[in-house]
């Protein structure tokens, strides 16, 4: 019985990792990433041009290593939005102490994003090579 439960748990975890990897919208190298923000945080950013992540369950940046399936969550952060198509996300991971930063310029987003993120291994992943990752793809 324990073996059945363990195997079922492993299968469910694998499916969850696959689902999360499929949901991440933009990719750089072996990493897919997506910004997940609640309606409240988005509205605050649109209204006040900046907002801290306010929904502890839903506001985060998810980065998934497509080779290993490891997911990194950046859950403490802030979003800026000037209402003209320029926006930025700055976040840190409360679990790993790593950082994620991205800026999207509405006029030259197709040339690459500005920003990077760090991993627990101290590796820094540059996002400037990410092409055509528009607002709808990132969120």
N, C-alpha and C. Protein backbone atom coordinates (compact mmCIF):
# COMPACT_ATOMS: atom_id res chain seq x y z
N UNK A 1 0.82 -1.19 0.00
CA UNK A 1 0.00 0.00 0.00
C UNK A 1 0.86 1.25 0.00
N UNK A 2 1.94 1.24 0.83
CA UNK A 2 2.83 2.40 0.87
C UNK A 2 3.50 2.63 -0.47
N UNK A 3 3.86 1.53 -1.15
CA UNK A 3 4.50 1.65 -2.46
C UNK A 3 3.54 2.26 -3.47
N UNK A 4 2.28 1.88 -3.41
CA UNK A 4 1.27 2.43 -4.30
C UNK A 4 1.10 3.92 -4.07
N UNK A 5 1.03 4.32 -2.82
CA UNK A 5 0.89 5.74 -2.49
C UNK A 5 2.12 6.51 -2.96
N UNK A 6 3.30 5.96 -2.72
CA UNK A 6 4.54 6.62 -3.13
C UNK A 6 4.60 6.77 -4.64
N UNK A 7 4.27 5.71 -5.38
CA UNK A 7 4.30 5.77 -6.84
C UNK A 7 3.26 6.75 -7.38
N UNK A 8 2.09 6.76 -6.78
CA UNK A 8 1.05 7.71 -7.19
C UNK A 8 1.51 9.14 -6.95
N UNK A 9 2.13 9.38 -5.82
CA UNK A 9 2.64 10.72 -5.50
C UNK A 9 3.71 11.14 -6.51
N UNK A 10 4.60 10.23 -6.87
CA UNK A 10 5.64 10.55 -7.85
C UNK A 10 5.05 10.87 -9.21
N UNK A 11 4.05 10.12 -9.62
CA UNK A 11 3.39 10.38 -10.90
C UNK A 11 2.71 11.74 -10.87
N UNK A 12 2.01 12.04 -9.79
CA UNK A 12 1.33 13.33 -9.69
C UNK A 12 2.32 14.49 -9.68
N UNK A 13 3.44 14.33 -9.00
CA UNK A 13 4.46 15.37 -8.99
C UNK A 13 5.04 15.57 -10.38
N UNK A 14 5.26 14.50 -11.12
CA UNK A 14 5.78 14.60 -12.49
C UNK A 14 4.79 15.31 -13.39
N UNK A 15 3.52 14.96 -13.26
CA UNK A 15 2.49 15.63 -14.06
C UNK A 15 2.38 17.10 -13.71
N UNK A 16 2.47 17.44 -12.43
CA UNK A 16 2.42 18.83 -12.02
C UNK A 16 3.59 19.61 -12.59
N UNK A 17 4.78 19.04 -12.54
CA UNK A 17 5.97 19.69 -13.10
C UNK A 17 5.80 19.89 -14.60
N UNK A 18 5.29 18.87 -15.31
CA UNK A 18 5.05 18.99 -16.74
C UNK A 18 4.04 20.08 -17.02
N UNK A 19 2.95 20.12 -16.26
CA UNK A 19 1.91 21.14 -16.45
C UNK A 19 2.48 22.53 -16.22
N UNK A 20 3.27 22.70 -15.15
CA UNK A 20 3.84 24.00 -14.86
C UNK A 20 4.80 24.41 -15.96
N UNK A 21 5.60 23.49 -16.46
CA UNK A 21 6.53 23.81 -17.53
C UNK A 21 5.79 24.22 -18.80
N UNK A 22 4.66 23.58 -19.06
CA UNK A 22 3.87 23.92 -20.24
C UNK A 22 3.22 25.29 -20.10
N UNK A 23 2.93 25.71 -18.88
CA UNK A 23 2.27 26.99 -18.65
C UNK A 23 3.22 28.18 -18.73
N UNK A 24 4.49 27.98 -18.42
CA UNK A 24 5.44 29.09 -18.45
C UNK A 24 5.55 29.61 -19.87
N UNK A 25 5.51 30.93 -20.02
CA UNK A 25 5.29 31.52 -21.33
C UNK A 25 6.54 31.90 -22.11
N UNK A 26 7.58 32.37 -21.47
CA UNK A 26 8.76 32.84 -22.17
C UNK A 26 9.94 31.96 -21.79
N UNK A 27 10.93 31.89 -22.68
CA UNK A 27 12.04 30.98 -22.42
C UNK A 27 13.37 31.63 -22.75
N UNK A 28 14.37 31.31 -21.91
CA UNK A 28 15.76 31.68 -22.16
C UNK A 28 16.60 30.45 -21.82
N UNK A 29 17.29 29.91 -22.80
CA UNK A 29 18.07 28.70 -22.58
C UNK A 29 17.19 27.57 -22.07
N UNK A 30 17.59 26.98 -20.96
CA UNK A 30 16.85 25.86 -20.37
C UNK A 30 15.78 26.32 -19.39
N UNK A 31 15.48 27.60 -19.33
CA UNK A 31 14.55 28.13 -18.33
C UNK A 31 13.33 28.78 -18.97
N UNK A 32 12.16 28.35 -18.50
CA UNK A 32 10.91 29.00 -18.88
C UNK A 32 10.46 29.83 -17.70
N UNK A 33 9.87 30.98 -17.98
CA UNK A 33 9.44 31.84 -16.89
C UNK A 33 8.13 32.53 -17.22
N UNK A 34 7.39 32.83 -16.16
CA UNK A 34 6.10 33.48 -16.30
C UNK A 34 5.83 34.30 -15.04
N UNK A 35 5.21 35.44 -15.25
CA UNK A 35 4.80 36.30 -14.14
C UNK A 35 3.33 36.03 -13.86
N UNK A 36 3.01 35.78 -12.61
CA UNK A 36 1.63 35.53 -12.19
C UNK A 36 1.24 36.60 -11.17
N UNK A 37 0.29 37.43 -11.54
CA UNK A 37 -0.16 38.50 -10.65
C UNK A 37 -1.67 38.47 -10.50
N UNK A 38 -2.12 38.74 -9.29
CA UNK A 38 -3.56 38.81 -9.02
C UNK A 38 -4.14 40.05 -9.67
N UNK A 39 -5.44 40.05 -9.85
CA UNK A 39 -6.13 41.21 -10.40
C UNK A 39 -5.92 42.44 -9.54
N UNK A 40 -5.90 42.25 -8.23
CA UNK A 40 -5.70 43.38 -7.31
C UNK A 40 -4.33 44.03 -7.52
N UNK A 41 -3.30 43.22 -7.63
CA UNK A 41 -1.96 43.76 -7.83
C UNK A 41 -1.86 44.46 -9.19
N UNK A 42 -2.43 43.86 -10.22
CA UNK A 42 -2.42 44.48 -11.55
C UNK A 42 -3.17 45.81 -11.54
N UNK A 43 -4.34 45.83 -10.92
CA UNK A 43 -5.11 47.08 -10.84
C UNK A 43 -4.35 48.15 -10.08
N UNK A 44 -3.73 47.78 -8.96
CA UNK A 44 -2.94 48.75 -8.19
C UNK A 44 -1.78 49.29 -9.02
N UNK A 45 -1.11 48.43 -9.76
CA UNK A 45 0.01 48.87 -10.60
C UNK A 45 -0.48 49.81 -11.70
N UNK A 46 -1.63 49.49 -12.30
CA UNK A 46 -2.18 50.36 -13.34
C UNK A 46 -2.64 51.70 -12.77
N UNK A 47 -3.20 51.69 -11.57
CA UNK A 47 -3.72 52.90 -10.95
C UNK A 47 -2.60 53.78 -10.39
N UNK A 48 -1.67 53.17 -9.69
CA UNK A 48 -0.64 53.92 -8.97
C UNK A 48 0.75 53.84 -9.62
N UNK A 49 0.86 53.19 -10.75
CA UNK A 49 2.09 52.97 -11.51
C UNK A 49 3.06 52.01 -10.84
N UNK A 50 2.79 51.61 -9.62
CA UNK A 50 3.61 50.58 -8.98
C UNK A 50 2.81 49.93 -7.85
N UNK A 51 3.12 48.69 -7.60
CA UNK A 51 2.42 47.96 -6.53
C UNK A 51 3.29 46.81 -6.06
N UNK A 52 3.27 46.59 -4.75
CA UNK A 52 3.93 45.42 -4.20
C UNK A 52 3.03 44.20 -4.42
N UNK A 53 3.64 43.03 -4.51
CA UNK A 53 2.86 41.80 -4.59
C UNK A 53 1.96 41.76 -3.36
N UNK A 54 0.65 41.64 -3.57
CA UNK A 54 -0.28 41.71 -2.45
C UNK A 54 -0.99 40.39 -2.15
N UNK A 55 -1.05 39.50 -3.11
CA UNK A 55 -1.74 38.22 -2.92
C UNK A 55 -0.68 37.13 -2.71
N UNK A 56 -0.53 36.69 -1.49
CA UNK A 56 0.54 35.75 -1.15
C UNK A 56 0.45 34.42 -1.88
N UNK A 57 -0.74 34.03 -2.30
CA UNK A 57 -0.90 32.75 -3.01
C UNK A 57 -0.65 32.88 -4.50
N UNK A 58 -0.99 34.02 -5.09
CA UNK A 58 -0.98 34.13 -6.54
C UNK A 58 0.10 35.02 -7.13
N UNK A 59 0.61 35.98 -6.38
CA UNK A 59 1.59 36.91 -6.93
C UNK A 59 2.99 36.32 -6.82
N UNK A 60 3.59 36.00 -7.96
CA UNK A 60 4.95 35.47 -7.98
C UNK A 60 5.45 35.37 -9.41
N UNK A 61 6.74 35.17 -9.53
CA UNK A 61 7.36 34.84 -10.80
C UNK A 61 7.80 33.39 -10.69
N UNK A 62 7.46 32.61 -11.69
CA UNK A 62 7.82 31.19 -11.71
C UNK A 62 8.88 30.97 -12.79
N UNK A 63 9.97 30.34 -12.42
CA UNK A 63 11.03 29.97 -13.36
C UNK A 63 11.22 28.46 -13.25
N UNK A 64 11.16 27.77 -14.38
CA UNK A 64 11.27 26.32 -14.39
C UNK A 64 12.45 25.90 -15.25
N UNK A 65 13.33 25.09 -14.69
CA UNK A 65 14.42 24.49 -15.45
C UNK A 65 13.82 23.34 -16.25
N UNK A 66 13.83 23.46 -17.57
CA UNK A 66 13.18 22.46 -18.41
C UNK A 66 13.93 21.13 -18.44
N UNK A 67 15.20 21.14 -18.08
CA UNK A 67 15.96 19.88 -18.04
C UNK A 67 15.70 19.09 -16.77
N UNK A 68 15.63 19.78 -15.64
CA UNK A 68 15.49 19.08 -14.36
C UNK A 68 14.07 19.12 -13.80
N UNK A 69 13.25 20.06 -14.29
CA UNK A 69 11.90 20.22 -13.75
C UNK A 69 11.87 21.05 -12.48
N UNK A 70 13.02 21.50 -12.00
CA UNK A 70 13.07 22.30 -10.77
C UNK A 70 12.41 23.65 -11.01
N UNK A 71 11.57 24.03 -10.06
CA UNK A 71 10.89 25.32 -10.15
C UNK A 71 11.43 26.26 -9.08
N UNK A 72 11.66 27.50 -9.49
CA UNK A 72 12.09 28.55 -8.58
C UNK A 72 10.96 29.57 -8.52
N UNK A 73 10.57 29.94 -7.31
CA UNK A 73 9.49 30.90 -7.12
C UNK A 73 10.05 32.17 -6.50
N UNK A 74 9.80 33.29 -7.16
CA UNK A 74 10.18 34.61 -6.67
C UNK A 74 8.89 35.25 -6.18
N UNK A 75 8.72 35.30 -4.87
CA UNK A 75 7.40 35.60 -4.30
C UNK A 75 7.27 36.92 -3.55
N UNK A 76 8.33 37.67 -3.40
CA UNK A 76 8.26 38.97 -2.75
C UNK A 76 8.70 39.99 -3.79
N UNK A 77 7.81 40.87 -4.19
CA UNK A 77 8.21 41.76 -5.27
C UNK A 77 7.31 42.94 -5.50
N UNK A 78 7.63 43.61 -6.59
CA UNK A 78 6.93 44.82 -6.97
C UNK A 78 6.81 44.87 -8.49
N UNK A 79 5.70 45.39 -8.95
CA UNK A 79 5.47 45.59 -10.37
C UNK A 79 5.29 47.08 -10.62
N UNK A 80 5.88 47.57 -11.71
CA UNK A 80 5.67 48.95 -12.14
C UNK A 80 5.04 48.90 -13.53
N UNK A 81 4.13 49.82 -13.77
CA UNK A 81 3.42 49.86 -15.05
C UNK A 81 3.05 51.31 -15.33
N UNK A 82 3.58 51.87 -16.42
CA UNK A 82 3.30 53.28 -16.71
C UNK A 82 2.01 53.48 -17.50
N UNK A 83 1.32 52.39 -17.81
CA UNK A 83 0.07 52.49 -18.55
C UNK A 83 0.26 52.71 -20.04
N UNK A 84 1.50 52.80 -20.49
CA UNK A 84 1.79 53.03 -21.91
C UNK A 84 2.51 51.83 -22.53
N UNK A 85 2.49 50.70 -21.85
CA UNK A 85 3.11 49.51 -22.39
C UNK A 85 4.49 49.19 -21.83
N UNK A 86 4.99 50.03 -20.95
CA UNK A 86 6.28 49.77 -20.30
C UNK A 86 6.00 49.24 -18.90
N UNK A 87 6.64 48.14 -18.55
CA UNK A 87 6.43 47.61 -17.21
C UNK A 87 7.68 46.88 -16.73
N UNK A 88 7.78 46.75 -15.43
CA UNK A 88 8.90 46.06 -14.83
C UNK A 88 8.45 45.20 -13.66
N UNK A 89 9.20 44.16 -13.42
CA UNK A 89 8.95 43.26 -12.28
C UNK A 89 10.28 43.07 -11.56
N UNK A 90 10.29 43.31 -10.28
CA UNK A 90 11.45 43.03 -9.43
C UNK A 90 10.96 42.16 -8.29
N UNK A 91 11.60 41.01 -8.12
CA UNK A 91 11.15 40.08 -7.08
C UNK A 91 12.33 39.30 -6.52
N UNK A 92 12.14 38.80 -5.31
CA UNK A 92 13.13 37.92 -4.70
C UNK A 92 12.43 36.63 -4.26
N UNK A 93 13.22 35.61 -4.11
CA UNK A 93 12.70 34.33 -3.63
C UNK A 93 12.89 34.25 -2.12
N UNK A 94 11.81 34.11 -1.39
CA UNK A 94 11.93 33.97 0.06
C UNK A 94 12.56 32.63 0.43
N UNK A 95 12.47 31.65 -0.45
CA UNK A 95 13.04 30.33 -0.17
C UNK A 95 14.53 30.27 -0.46
N UNK A 96 14.96 30.92 -1.56
CA UNK A 96 16.34 30.78 -2.00
C UNK A 96 17.19 32.03 -1.83
N UNK A 97 16.56 33.18 -1.58
CA UNK A 97 17.31 34.42 -1.45
C UNK A 97 17.89 34.89 -2.77
N UNK A 98 17.26 34.52 -3.87
CA UNK A 98 17.72 34.90 -5.20
C UNK A 98 16.79 35.98 -5.75
N UNK A 99 17.18 36.58 -6.88
CA UNK A 99 16.43 37.73 -7.40
C UNK A 99 16.04 37.54 -8.85
N UNK A 100 14.95 38.22 -9.23
CA UNK A 100 14.45 38.23 -10.60
C UNK A 100 14.12 39.68 -10.93
N UNK A 101 14.57 40.15 -12.08
CA UNK A 101 14.27 41.51 -12.50
C UNK A 101 14.08 41.53 -14.01
N UNK A 102 13.00 42.13 -14.46
CA UNK A 102 12.76 42.24 -15.89
C UNK A 102 12.10 43.57 -16.19
N UNK A 103 12.47 44.16 -17.31
CA UNK A 103 11.82 45.38 -17.78
C UNK A 103 11.42 45.17 -19.22
N UNK A 104 10.21 45.55 -19.54
CA UNK A 104 9.64 45.40 -20.88
C UNK A 104 9.35 46.79 -21.43
N UNK A 105 10.02 47.15 -22.51
CA UNK A 105 9.79 48.43 -23.17
C UNK A 105 8.89 48.19 -24.37
N UNK A 106 7.77 48.87 -24.43
CA UNK A 106 6.78 48.58 -25.48
C UNK A 106 7.30 48.89 -26.88
N UNK A 107 8.31 49.72 -27.01
CA UNK A 107 8.81 50.07 -28.34
C UNK A 107 9.88 49.11 -28.86
N UNK A 108 10.61 48.47 -27.97
CA UNK A 108 11.67 47.59 -28.48
C UNK A 108 11.69 46.20 -27.83
N UNK A 109 10.53 45.74 -27.33
CA UNK A 109 10.46 44.43 -26.70
C UNK A 109 10.87 43.31 -27.64
N UNK A 110 10.65 43.50 -28.96
CA UNK A 110 11.00 42.45 -29.91
C UNK A 110 12.52 42.30 -30.06
N UNK A 111 13.29 43.28 -29.54
CA UNK A 111 14.75 43.19 -29.56
C UNK A 111 15.30 42.47 -28.34
N UNK A 112 14.47 42.22 -27.36
CA UNK A 112 14.90 41.53 -26.15
C UNK A 112 14.44 42.26 -24.91
N UNK A 113 14.27 41.52 -23.86
CA UNK A 113 13.90 42.10 -22.57
C UNK A 113 15.15 42.63 -21.88
N UNK A 114 14.96 43.48 -20.91
CA UNK A 114 16.06 43.91 -20.05
C UNK A 114 15.89 43.21 -18.72
N UNK A 115 16.96 42.66 -18.18
CA UNK A 115 16.86 42.05 -16.87
C UNK A 115 17.61 40.75 -16.77
N UNK A 116 17.47 40.13 -15.59
CA UNK A 116 18.12 38.85 -15.33
C UNK A 116 17.49 38.22 -14.10
N UNK A 117 17.89 36.99 -13.83
CA UNK A 117 17.52 36.35 -12.57
C UNK A 117 18.68 35.50 -12.10
N UNK A 118 18.73 35.30 -10.80
CA UNK A 118 19.81 34.51 -10.22
C UNK A 118 19.27 33.21 -9.65
N UNK A 119 20.15 32.24 -9.58
CA UNK A 119 19.80 30.92 -9.08
C UNK A 119 20.57 30.65 -7.79
N UNK A 120 20.14 29.67 -7.00
CA UNK A 120 20.87 29.35 -5.76
C UNK A 120 22.34 29.00 -6.00
N UNK A 121 22.68 28.56 -7.20
CA UNK A 121 24.07 28.22 -7.54
C UNK A 121 24.92 29.46 -7.81
N UNK A 122 24.32 30.64 -7.67
CA UNK A 122 24.94 31.94 -7.97
C UNK A 122 25.05 32.22 -9.46
N UNK A 123 24.49 31.36 -10.29
CA UNK A 123 24.46 31.60 -11.73
C UNK A 123 23.45 32.72 -12.01
N UNK A 124 23.82 33.61 -12.91
CA UNK A 124 22.92 34.69 -13.31
C UNK A 124 22.52 34.46 -14.75
N UNK A 125 21.21 34.45 -15.00
CA UNK A 125 20.66 34.22 -16.33
C UNK A 125 20.22 35.57 -16.90
N UNK A 126 20.85 35.96 -18.00
CA UNK A 126 20.55 37.24 -18.67
C UNK A 126 19.31 37.08 -19.55
N UNK A 127 18.39 38.01 -19.45
CA UNK A 127 17.16 37.93 -20.23
C UNK A 127 17.20 38.75 -21.52
N UNK A 128 18.33 39.39 -21.83
CA UNK A 128 18.39 40.25 -23.01
C UNK A 128 18.27 39.47 -24.32
N UNK A 129 18.50 38.17 -24.29
CA UNK A 129 18.37 37.36 -25.51
C UNK A 129 16.95 36.88 -25.74
N UNK A 130 16.04 37.18 -24.82
CA UNK A 130 14.65 36.73 -24.95
C UNK A 130 13.94 37.66 -25.93
N UNK A 131 13.60 37.14 -27.09
CA UNK A 131 12.96 37.93 -28.14
C UNK A 131 11.46 37.62 -28.18
N UNK A 132 10.70 38.61 -28.57
CA UNK A 132 9.26 38.46 -28.80
C UNK A 132 8.50 37.90 -27.60
N UNK A 133 8.91 38.25 -26.42
CA UNK A 133 8.18 37.88 -25.21
C UNK A 133 7.34 39.09 -24.82
N UNK A 134 6.17 39.18 -25.39
CA UNK A 134 5.33 40.36 -25.17
C UNK A 134 4.53 40.24 -23.87
N UNK A 135 3.77 41.26 -23.58
CA UNK A 135 3.00 41.35 -22.34
C UNK A 135 2.09 40.14 -22.17
N UNK A 136 1.38 39.79 -23.23
CA UNK A 136 0.43 38.67 -23.14
C UNK A 136 1.14 37.33 -22.94
N UNK A 137 2.34 37.19 -23.46
CA UNK A 137 3.09 35.94 -23.28
C UNK A 137 3.68 35.84 -21.88
N UNK A 138 4.12 36.97 -21.35
CA UNK A 138 4.79 36.97 -20.05
C UNK A 138 3.83 36.75 -18.90
N UNK A 139 2.58 37.22 -19.05
CA UNK A 139 1.61 37.12 -17.95
C UNK A 139 0.61 36.01 -18.21
